[in-house]
Amino acid sequence: MACNRLTERVPVRGCVALALTALCAGALAAQTPAPAPTPSPRVEQTLPPLAPGALPAEATAEARAAWETLCSALGVAPDTPRVEAFELSFDARAWQAGGESEKSFRNGQLRFLAPGFVDSALETGRRRLRGPRGDWLVDAKGGAVRLQGVELAQDRRELDQIVHIARTFANLVNARSLRLRRLETLPAPPFALPAAARERANGALWLALVSPDFGLARADGAARNEAHVWLALEQSTHLPLLAVVADGGPSDTAAAAAVLVELWNWAPLDGLRAPKNVRTYPPRGEGAAWAFEERQNLQLWLTKGTLRAKLAPQDFEPPAK
């Protein structure tokens, strides 16, 4: 399948984002985070259903205007179809937690089908996928092992993160189709940012939202909770330069699973706009104030891809033997 090429790879200070993923007035407080808002309750069955693209009734005129400006900057018209499937190629660099060692990967591929099927492949041919029959690890020769049992728990957690980043990426590039429980503007985020990200976001416009579409996904594709999302919009382009996604508010223990995504070099792709360079930062260790590590743990450069991939559930099955 031919993919639209993302030209000019610029390795600046990563996607998948979805990863890549998802973003006003007043300058960002450079040293002291704003007081944390009262966290929203966990998702309950009694919560009313949400319509895609409908803004919360209580959203202010300022928040509505900022959201419309963001959607327009992304190239999203009211009738733009939701991103249901994508196929991306990327180069990547990953760092071990708390260590100096790093690994580089070239010609990686990520395929995604909503709500939560993914196929992540390295140039070596090794793949991890989540599909109709669960989670699988596939070696370079096509041998498949189901990801189950205690000994493969880490692989399942990493696959959860891949799904989470992929969903975030699909949501960010077509924000207008999101289901929103809450939308508001903030003068500053309720958490501390790494120094480099804080400097870059100086003067950014901040949006905070709650949405089930960003919720961390289970193996069956369902979301666990309505996620809290904070987006920093660059003043001149109105495009997201930072996105923070957490499974709950900043005072919740769920913040330990939060991820900070830094987005660079937005480029046209299939009628929308997508970031060519993505960095992710993990949260700081347990017991610390809600903050993120100073160093990124993953950086990706998108080289080519399509946001309108022709994929079906059977494309996420392990190889038949």
Protein backbone atom coordinates (compact mmCIF):
# COMPACT_ATOMS: atom_id res chain seq x y z
CA MET A 1 0.00 0.00 0.00
CA ALA A 2 1.41 3.36 -0.99
CA CYS A 3 1.90 5.84 1.81
CA ASN A 4 2.08 9.63 1.64
CA ARG A 5 5.67 10.56 2.39
CA LEU A 6 6.46 12.95 5.20
CA THR A 7 9.27 14.99 3.77
CA GLU A 8 12.18 16.65 5.58
CA ARG A 9 13.04 14.64 8.68
CA VAL A 10 14.40 17.09 11.24
CA PRO A 11 15.80 15.40 14.38
CA VAL A 12 15.07 18.16 16.89
CA ARG A 13 14.07 17.94 20.47
CA GLY A 14 9.25 12.31 20.51
CA CYS A 15 4.81 9.53 18.32
CA VAL A 16 3.18 7.33 19.00
CA ALA A 17 1.98 9.06 18.99
CA LEU A 18 -0.74 7.75 20.14
CA ALA A 19 0.98 6.95 21.06
CA LEU A 20 1.40 10.73 19.10
CA THR A 21 -2.08 11.63 20.94
CA ALA A 22 -3.38 14.68 22.51
CA LEU A 23 -3.91 20.38 23.08
CA CYS A 24 -5.75 30.19 27.38
CA ALA A 25 -4.76 33.05 28.13
CA GLY A 26 -1.78 33.91 30.37
CA ALA A 27 1.85 32.87 30.44
CA LEU A 28 2.99 29.51 31.75
CA ALA A 29 4.21 29.72 35.34
CA ALA A 30 7.90 28.93 34.88
CA GLN A 31 8.72 27.61 38.35
CA THR A 32 5.57 27.04 40.42
CA PRO A 33 2.76 24.92 38.99
CA ALA A 34 -0.79 26.19 39.26
CA PRO A 35 -2.93 24.68 42.03
CA ALA A 36 -4.35 21.34 40.98
CA PRO A 37 -8.03 21.43 40.01
CA THR A 38 -10.47 19.20 41.81
CA PRO A 39 -10.16 15.85 40.02
CA SER A 40 -13.19 14.54 38.22
CA PRO A 41 -14.71 11.33 39.54
CA ARG A 42 -13.96 8.02 37.93
CA VAL A 43 -16.24 6.96 35.10
CA GLU A 44 -19.57 5.66 36.37
CA GLN A 45 -22.35 3.98 34.48
CA THR A 46 -24.64 6.88 35.40
CA LEU A 47 -22.63 9.41 33.40
CA PRO A 48 -24.61 10.62 30.39
CA PRO A 49 -23.36 9.52 26.96
CA LEU A 50 -21.32 11.97 24.92
CA ALA A 51 -21.65 12.85 21.24
CA PRO A 52 -18.49 13.10 19.10
CA GLY A 53 -17.64 16.72 18.38
CA ALA A 54 -20.13 18.20 20.84
CA LEU A 55 -18.60 20.67 23.30
CA PRO A 56 -19.66 20.58 26.97
CA ALA A 57 -22.54 22.94 27.71
CA GLU A 58 -20.60 24.57 30.54
CA ALA A 59 -17.52 25.33 28.40
CA THR A 60 -16.78 29.06 28.37
CA ALA A 61 -16.67 31.19 25.25
CA GLU A 62 -12.89 31.42 25.68
CA ALA A 63 -12.52 27.63 25.79
CA ARG A 64 -14.80 27.17 22.77
CA ALA A 65 -12.83 29.73 20.76
CA ALA A 66 -9.51 28.10 21.68
CA TRP A 67 -10.84 24.67 20.68
CA GLU A 68 -12.11 25.93 17.34
CA THR A 69 -8.76 27.60 16.65
CA LEU A 70 -6.96 24.33 17.42
CA CYS A 71 -9.23 22.29 15.14
CA SER A 72 -8.82 24.77 12.31
CA ALA A 73 -5.03 24.71 12.69
CA LEU A 74 -5.12 20.92 12.43
CA GLY A 75 -7.04 21.21 9.17
CA VAL A 76 -10.11 19.52 10.63
CA ALA A 77 -13.43 20.52 9.08
CA PRO A 78 -16.74 19.65 10.80
CA ASP A 79 -17.30 16.82 8.30
CA THR A 80 -13.73 15.43 8.40
CA PRO A 81 -13.96 11.66 9.08
CA ARG A 82 -12.51 10.38 12.32
CA VAL A 83 -9.07 8.73 12.08
CA GLU A 84 -10.06 5.07 12.48
CA ALA A 85 -6.91 3.41 11.11
CA PHE A 86 -3.38 4.50 10.36
CA GLU A 87 -0.10 3.00 9.22
CA LEU A 88 3.14 4.82 10.06
CA SER A 89 6.84 4.21 9.52
CA PHE A 90 9.37 5.69 11.91
CA ASP A 91 12.89 5.75 13.25
CA ALA A 92 13.25 5.77 17.02
CA ARG A 93 15.63 6.14 19.92
CA ALA A 94 14.83 4.79 23.39
CA TRP A 95 16.52 5.29 26.78
CA GLN A 96 16.35 2.96 29.75
CA ALA A 97 14.71 4.31 32.88
CA GLY A 98 17.33 5.81 35.20
CA GLY A 99 20.17 4.79 32.90
CA GLU A 100 22.41 6.29 30.28
CA SER A 101 22.19 3.44 27.76
CA GLU A 102 20.14 3.96 24.64
CA LYS A 103 18.98 1.98 21.63
CA SER A 104 18.26 3.22 18.13
CA PHE A 105 15.80 1.61 15.73
CA ARG A 106 15.25 2.25 12.03
CA ASN A 107 12.32 1.48 9.76
CA GLY A 108 9.88 0.63 12.51
CA GLN A 109 6.20 0.33 11.63
CA LEU A 110 3.03 0.93 13.61
CA ARG A 111 -0.45 0.00 12.42
CA PHE A 112 -3.57 0.96 14.37
CA LEU A 113 -7.27 0.16 14.04
CA ALA A 114 -9.78 1.76 16.41
CA PRO A 115 -10.65 1.25 19.12
CA GLY A 116 -7.52 -0.60 20.26
CA PHE A 117 -5.87 -3.00 17.77
CA VAL A 118 -2.17 -2.39 17.11
CA ASP A 119 0.69 -4.07 15.27
CA SER A 120 4.13 -2.75 16.20
CA ALA A 121 7.06 -4.10 14.14
CA LEU A 122 10.81 -3.52 14.15
CA GLU A 123 13.15 -3.81 11.17
CA THR A 124 14.29 -7.18 12.53
CA GLY A 125 10.79 -8.55 11.92
CA ARG A 126 9.93 -8.86 15.61
CA ARG A 127 6.34 -7.77 16.25
CA ARG A 128 3.97 -7.21 19.12
CA LEU A 129 0.31 -7.08 18.27
CA ARG A 130 -3.10 -6.82 19.87
CA GLY A 131 -6.03 -8.09 17.85
CA PRO A 132 -9.30 -10.01 17.98
CA ARG A 133 -7.61 -13.01 19.64
CA GLY A 134 -5.63 -11.09 22.22
CA ASP A 135 -1.99 -10.08 22.63
CA TRP A 136 0.85 -11.79 20.77
CA LEU A 137 4.62 -11.68 20.40
CA VAL A 138 5.81 -12.67 16.91
CA ASP A 139 9.44 -13.46 16.14
CA ALA A 140 11.32 -12.78 12.91
CA LYS A 141 10.48 -16.26 11.59
CA GLY A 142 6.75 -15.86 12.16
CA GLY A 143 6.52 -17.89 15.35
CA ALA A 144 3.80 -16.48 17.62
CA VAL A 145 3.51 -16.68 21.41
CA ARG A 146 0.44 -15.44 23.27
CA LEU A 147 1.31 -12.74 25.81
CA GLN A 148 -0.06 -14.30 28.97
CA GLY A 149 1.30 -15.39 32.30
CA VAL A 150 3.48 -13.66 34.87
CA GLU A 151 6.69 -14.04 32.85
CA LEU A 152 5.28 -11.91 30.01
CA ALA A 153 3.66 -9.24 32.19
CA GLN A 154 6.21 -6.60 31.14
CA ASP A 155 5.49 -7.21 27.46
CA ARG A 156 1.77 -6.74 28.12
CA ARG A 157 2.44 -3.49 29.95
CA GLU A 158 4.57 -2.24 27.08
CA LEU A 159 1.83 -3.22 24.62
CA ASP A 160 -0.68 -1.27 26.73
CA GLN A 161 1.57 1.77 26.31
CA ILE A 162 1.82 1.26 22.55
CA VAL A 163 -1.98 1.16 22.31
CA HIS A 164 -2.24 4.21 24.55
CA ILE A 165 0.18 6.25 22.43
CA ALA A 166 -1.48 5.14 19.18
CA ARG A 167 -4.92 6.19 20.44
CA THR A 168 -3.50 9.51 21.62
CA PHE A 169 -1.94 10.15 18.21
CA ALA A 170 -5.20 9.36 16.37
CA ASN A 171 -7.15 11.64 18.70
CA LEU A 172 -4.76 14.58 18.47
CA VAL A 173 -4.70 14.78 14.67
CA ASN A 174 -8.50 14.99 14.50
CA ALA A 175 -9.47 16.66 17.75
CA ARG A 176 -12.84 17.87 16.45
CA SER A 177 -14.27 14.33 16.55
CA LEU A 178 -13.50 13.77 20.25
CA ARG A 179 -16.11 13.13 22.90
CA LEU A 180 -15.57 15.74 25.62
CA ARG A 181 -16.83 15.58 29.19
CA ARG A 182 -15.09 18.81 30.17
CA LEU A 183 -13.23 21.60 28.37
CA GLU A 184 -11.62 24.61 30.01
CA THR A 185 -8.72 27.03 29.70
CA LEU A 186 -5.93 27.26 32.28
CA PRO A 187 -3.27 29.92 32.94
CA ALA A 188 -0.75 27.14 33.68
CA PRO A 189 -0.69 23.35 34.03
CA PRO A 190 -1.22 21.73 37.47
CA PHE A 191 2.12 19.88 37.36
CA ALA A 192 5.82 20.59 36.92
CA LEU A 193 7.37 20.25 33.46
CA PRO A 194 10.96 19.32 32.52
CA ALA A 195 13.10 22.42 32.13
CA ALA A 196 13.40 22.22 28.34
CA ALA A 197 9.66 21.61 27.85
CA ARG A 198 8.83 24.38 30.32
CA GLU A 199 10.99 26.85 28.40
CA ARG A 200 9.45 25.83 25.09
CA ALA A 201 5.91 26.19 26.49
CA ASN A 202 6.53 29.66 27.90
CA GLY A 203 3.57 31.77 26.83
CA ALA A 204 1.60 28.78 25.53
CA LEU A 205 -2.18 28.63 25.62
CA TRP A 206 -3.35 25.77 27.85
CA LEU A 207 -6.49 23.69 27.47
CA ALA A 208 -7.67 21.02 29.91
CA LEU A 209 -10.20 18.38 28.94
CA VAL A 210 -11.71 15.12 30.10
CA SER A 211 -12.52 12.53 27.46
CA PRO A 212 -13.22 8.78 27.28
CA ASP A 213 -11.43 8.65 23.92
CA PHE A 214 -8.04 9.08 25.62
CA GLY A 215 -8.73 6.46 28.26
CA LEU A 216 -6.10 3.77 28.75
CA ALA A 217 -7.19 0.74 26.74
CA ARG A 218 -7.61 -2.87 27.85
CA ALA A 219 -6.93 -5.85 25.62
CA ASP A 220 -10.59 -5.83 24.53
CA GLY A 221 -10.21 -2.24 23.26
CA ALA A 222 -12.40 -0.69 25.98
CA ALA A 223 -11.22 2.32 27.95
CA ARG A 224 -10.68 1.98 31.70
CA ASN A 225 -11.51 5.54 32.69
CA GLU A 226 -12.20 8.91 31.18
CA ALA A 227 -8.74 10.41 30.87
CA HIS A 228 -7.58 13.89 31.87
CA VAL A 229 -5.68 15.68 29.12
CA TRP A 230 -3.76 18.96 29.13
CA LEU A 231 -2.71 20.59 25.86
CA ALA A 232 -0.25 23.45 25.35
CA LEU A 233 -0.97 25.33 22.12
CA GLU A 234 1.82 27.28 20.42
CA GLN A 235 0.79 30.93 20.15
CA SER A 236 1.62 31.58 16.50
CA THR A 237 0.49 28.29 14.91
CA HIS A 238 -2.14 27.23 17.51
CA LEU A 239 -0.84 23.64 17.11
CA PRO A 240 -0.13 21.41 20.13
CA LEU A 241 3.46 21.48 21.31
CA LEU A 242 2.84 19.50 24.52
CA ALA A 243 0.20 17.01 25.56
CA VAL A 244 -0.16 15.31 28.94
CA VAL A 245 -2.51 12.33 29.29
CA ALA A 246 -3.30 10.80 32.68
CA ASP A 247 -5.73 8.20 33.92
CA GLY A 248 -7.19 10.64 36.42
CA GLY A 249 -6.47 14.05 37.90
CA PRO A 250 -3.07 15.15 39.23
CA SER A 251 -3.98 14.33 42.84
CA ASP A 252 -4.83 10.73 41.96
CA THR A 253 -2.44 7.82 42.29
CA ALA A 254 -3.28 7.13 38.63
CA ALA A 255 -1.00 10.05 37.75
CA ALA A 256 1.89 7.58 38.09
CA ALA A 257 0.83 6.26 34.66
CA ALA A 258 0.73 9.71 33.07
CA VAL A 259 2.76 10.48 29.97
CA LEU A 260 4.08 13.80 28.65
CA VAL A 261 4.28 13.96 24.86
CA GLU A 262 6.27 16.71 23.16
CA LEU A 263 5.31 17.36 19.53
CA TRP A 264 7.43 18.97 16.80
CA ASN A 265 7.32 19.75 13.09
CA TRP A 266 3.66 19.36 12.18
CA ALA A 267 3.22 18.56 8.48
CA PRO A 268 0.29 17.89 6.11
CA LEU A 269 -0.79 14.26 5.92
CA ASP A 270 -3.96 12.99 4.23
CA GLY A 271 -5.73 16.33 4.55
CA LEU A 272 -4.87 16.75 8.21
CA ARG A 273 -1.67 17.67 10.04
CA ALA A 274 0.55 15.28 12.01
CA PRO A 275 3.74 15.76 14.06
CA LYS A 276 6.88 14.36 12.39
CA ASN A 277 8.89 14.27 15.61
CA VAL A 278 7.57 13.07 18.98
CA ARG A 279 9.20 12.73 22.42
CA THR A 280 7.74 11.13 25.51
CA TYR A 281 8.66 11.79 29.15
CA PRO A 282 7.71 9.44 32.01
CA PRO A 283 6.35 10.70 35.35
CA ARG A 284 8.79 11.17 38.19
CA GLY A 285 9.12 8.36 40.76
CA GLU A 286 6.40 7.48 43.23
CA GLY A 287 6.01 9.79 46.19
CA ALA A 288 7.33 12.84 44.35
CA ALA A 289 5.26 15.91 43.60
CA TRP A 290 3.35 15.46 40.36
CA ALA A 291 6.06 16.05 37.78
CA PHE A 292 7.95 14.48 34.89
CA GLU A 293 11.50 13.31 34.46
CA GLU A 294 13.93 15.81 32.96
CA ARG A 295 15.00 13.37 30.26
CA GLN A 296 12.85 11.81 27.57
CA ASN A 297 12.57 8.02 27.40
CA LEU A 298 11.49 7.77 23.75
CA GLN A 299 11.95 9.83 20.61
CA LEU A 300 10.45 9.06 17.21
CA TRP A 301 10.82 10.51 13.74
CA LEU A 302 7.95 9.77 11.37
CA THR A 303 9.25 9.05 7.88
CA LYS A 304 6.09 8.15 5.97
CA GLY A 305 2.56 7.04 6.59
CA THR A 306 -1.15 7.33 6.01
CA LEU A 307 -3.99 8.29 8.34
CA ARG A 308 -6.54 6.50 6.13
CA ALA A 309 -5.16 2.97 6.09
CA LYS A 310 -7.39 0.19 4.75
CA LEU A 311 -7.19 -2.20 7.69
CA ALA A 312 -9.56 -4.81 9.12
CA PRO A 313 -9.55 -6.83 12.37
CA GLN A 314 -8.14 -9.88 10.59
CA ASP A 315 -5.01 -7.85 9.77
CA PHE A 316 -4.16 -8.03 13.49
CA GLU A 317 -4.15 -11.81 13.76
CA PRO A 318 -0.88 -13.71 14.46
CA PRO A 319 0.63 -15.62 11.52
CA ALA A 320 -1.08 -18.93 10.79
CA LYS A 321 1.10 -22.02 11.10
